[in-house]
Amino acid sequence: MTLRFVGIDPNTGGGGSPTVWVEDESADLVLQGEEAEELLKAQVGGTEWVVGHAVGIPAHERVIRIPARMVPILREACDVAERAGLR
């Protein structure tokens, strides 16, 4: 798997920061961000979070938060992924 770096949180302090890559072969977005599972759990009740989505997060998945200031970076990543998917 080869990852193409697209961008990092512009307000980073140099440590672990929200970051976006695109995987070259699949054109999947790969995101690093602050874990947000507890925030999501606190905001949603009942037996479904949205129609067709049971409450809970599978053990192999994580919910992350990406700051709004990174929207331009995510747009760029989507463009990179779209171009890569057209090969």
C-alpha atoms as a PDB file:
ATOM      1  CA  MET A   1       0.000   0.000   0.000  1.00  0.00           C
ATOM      2  CA  THR A   2       1.432   3.354  -1.036  1.00  0.00           C
ATOM      3  CA  LEU A   3       0.033   6.461   0.608  1.00  0.00           C
ATOM      4  CA  ARG A   4       0.204   9.883  -1.000  1.00  0.00           C
ATOM      5  CA  PHE A   5       0.355  12.660   1.613  1.00  0.00           C
ATOM      6  CA  VAL A   6      -2.208  15.384   0.889  1.00  0.00           C
ATOM      7  CA  GLY A   7      -2.202  17.620   3.942  1.00  0.00           C
ATOM      8  CA  ILE A   8      -1.961  18.161   7.658  1.00  0.00           C
ATOM      9  CA  ASP A   9      -3.882  20.407  10.049  1.00  0.00           C
ATOM     10  CA  PRO A  10      -2.497  23.908   9.377  1.00  0.00           C
ATOM     11  CA  ASN A  11      -2.625  24.637  13.101  1.00  0.00           C
ATOM     12  CA  THR A  12      -0.457  21.670  14.004  1.00  0.00           C
ATOM     13  CA  GLY A  13       2.037  22.003  16.794  1.00  0.00           C
ATOM     14  CA  GLY A  14       4.260  19.331  15.297  1.00  0.00           C
ATOM     15  CA  GLY A  15       2.859  16.368  17.216  1.00  0.00           C
ATOM     16  CA  GLY A  16       0.173  13.931  16.190  1.00  0.00           C
ATOM     17  CA  SER A  17      -2.174  15.990  14.088  1.00  0.00           C
ATOM     18  CA  PRO A  18      -5.151  15.423  11.826  1.00  0.00           C
ATOM     19  CA  THR A  19      -3.638  14.291   8.540  1.00  0.00           C
ATOM     20  CA  VAL A  20      -5.015  13.149   5.173  1.00  0.00           C
ATOM     21  CA  TRP A  21      -3.496  10.700   2.694  1.00  0.00           C
ATOM     22  CA  VAL A  22      -4.801   8.966  -0.442  1.00  0.00           C
ATOM     23  CA  GLU A  23      -3.957   5.302  -1.022  1.00  0.00           C
ATOM     24  CA  ASP A  24      -2.606   5.053  -4.573  1.00  0.00           C
ATOM     25  CA  GLU A  25      -4.105   1.738  -5.687  1.00  0.00           C
ATOM     26  CA  SER A  26      -7.615   1.993  -4.244  1.00  0.00           C
ATOM     27  CA  ALA A  27      -7.925   5.820  -4.162  1.00  0.00           C
ATOM     28  CA  ASP A  28      -9.251   5.430  -0.586  1.00  0.00           C
ATOM     29  CA  LEU A  29      -8.854   8.372   1.787  1.00  0.00           C
ATOM     30  CA  VAL A  30      -6.808   7.570   4.885  1.00  0.00           C
ATOM     31  CA  LEU A  31      -7.450   9.929   7.801  1.00  0.00           C
ATOM     32  CA  GLN A  32      -5.728  10.509  11.109  1.00  0.00           C
ATOM     33  CA  GLY A  33      -7.607  12.510  13.692  1.00  0.00           C
ATOM     34  CA  GLU A  34      -8.709  12.845  17.264  1.00  0.00           C
ATOM     35  CA  GLU A  35     -10.814   9.923  18.434  1.00  0.00           C
ATOM     36  CA  ALA A  36     -14.426  11.072  18.677  1.00  0.00           C
ATOM     37  CA  GLU A  37     -16.290   7.918  19.652  1.00  0.00           C
ATOM     38  CA  GLU A  38     -17.322   9.187  23.079  1.00  0.00           C
ATOM     39  CA  LEU A  39     -18.689  12.406  21.549  1.00  0.00           C
ATOM     40  CA  LEU A  40     -20.769  10.402  19.105  1.00  0.00           C
ATOM     41  CA  LYS A  41     -22.046   8.041  21.794  1.00  0.00           C
ATOM     42  CA  ALA A  42     -23.073  10.985  23.981  1.00  0.00           C
ATOM     43  CA  GLN A  43     -25.058  12.621  21.169  1.00  0.00           C
ATOM     44  CA  VAL A  44     -27.052   9.637  19.947  1.00  0.00           C
ATOM     45  CA  GLY A  45     -29.529   7.400  21.711  1.00  0.00           C
ATOM     46  CA  GLY A  46     -31.936   4.646  20.774  1.00  0.00           C
ATOM     47  CA  THR A  47     -31.255   1.468  18.856  1.00  0.00           C
ATOM     48  CA  GLU A  48     -30.072   3.047  15.598  1.00  0.00           C
ATOM     49  CA  TRP A  49     -27.821   6.047  14.962  1.00  0.00           C
ATOM     50  CA  VAL A  50     -29.174   6.469  11.460  1.00  0.00           C
ATOM     51  CA  VAL A  51     -31.496   4.194   9.517  1.00  0.00           C
ATOM     52  CA  GLY A  52     -29.680   0.936   8.880  1.00  0.00           C
ATOM     53  CA  HIS A  53     -26.784   1.642  11.275  1.00  0.00           C
ATOM     54  CA  ALA A  54     -26.920  -0.150  14.603  1.00  0.00           C
ATOM     55  CA  VAL A  55     -25.715   1.686  17.687  1.00  0.00           C
ATOM     56  CA  GLY A  56     -22.095   0.965  18.332  1.00  0.00           C
ATOM     57  CA  ILE A  57     -18.765   1.004  16.579  1.00  0.00           C
ATOM     58  CA  PRO A  58     -17.240  -2.278  15.417  1.00  0.00           C
ATOM     59  CA  ALA A  59     -13.941  -3.161  17.098  1.00  0.00           C
ATOM     60  CA  HIS A  60     -12.017  -2.714  13.832  1.00  0.00           C
ATOM     61  CA  GLU A  61     -13.337   0.829  13.212  1.00  0.00           C
ATOM     62  CA  ARG A  62     -12.795   4.254  14.804  1.00  0.00           C
ATOM     63  CA  VAL A  63     -14.718   7.506  14.637  1.00  0.00           C
ATOM     64  CA  ILE A  64     -12.417  10.472  14.216  1.00  0.00           C
ATOM     65  CA  ARG A  65     -12.819  14.228  14.224  1.00  0.00           C
ATOM     66  CA  ILE A  66     -11.264  16.360  11.487  1.00  0.00           C
ATOM     67  CA  PRO A  67     -11.254  20.146  12.144  1.00  0.00           C
ATOM     68  CA  ALA A  68     -13.359  22.293   9.816  1.00  0.00           C
ATOM     69  CA  ARG A  69     -10.224  24.249   8.911  1.00  0.00           C
ATOM     70  CA  MET A  70      -9.110  21.104   7.046  1.00  0.00           C
ATOM     71  CA  VAL A  71     -12.042  21.158   4.593  1.00  0.00           C
ATOM     72  CA  PRO A  72      -9.822  22.508   1.769  1.00  0.00           C
ATOM     73  CA  ILE A  73      -7.357  19.667   2.399  1.00  0.00           C
ATOM     74  CA  LEU A  74     -10.172  17.105   2.305  1.00  0.00           C
ATOM     75  CA  ARG A  75     -11.426  18.608  -0.973  1.00  0.00           C
ATOM     76  CA  GLU A  76      -7.938  18.272  -2.405  1.00  0.00           C
ATOM     77  CA  ALA A  77      -7.766  14.655  -1.183  1.00  0.00           C
ATOM     78  CA  CYS A  78     -11.107  13.920  -2.855  1.00  0.00           C
ATOM     79  CA  ASP A  79      -9.798  15.404  -6.111  1.00  0.00           C
ATOM     80  CA  VAL A  80      -6.616  13.294  -5.857  1.00  0.00           C
ATOM     81  CA  ALA A  81      -8.673  10.176  -5.134  1.00  0.00           C
ATOM     82  CA  GLU A  82     -11.047  10.887  -7.989  1.00  0.00           C
ATOM     83  CA  ARG A  83      -8.184  11.333 -10.455  1.00  0.00           C
ATOM     84  CA  ALA A  84      -6.504   8.141  -9.152  1.00  0.00           C
ATOM     85  CA  GLY A  85      -9.767   6.220  -9.531  1.00  0.00           C
ATOM     86  CA  LEU A  86     -10.033   7.192 -13.184  1.00  0.00           C
ATOM     87  CA  ARG A  87      -6.913   5.237 -14.150  1.00  0.00           C
END
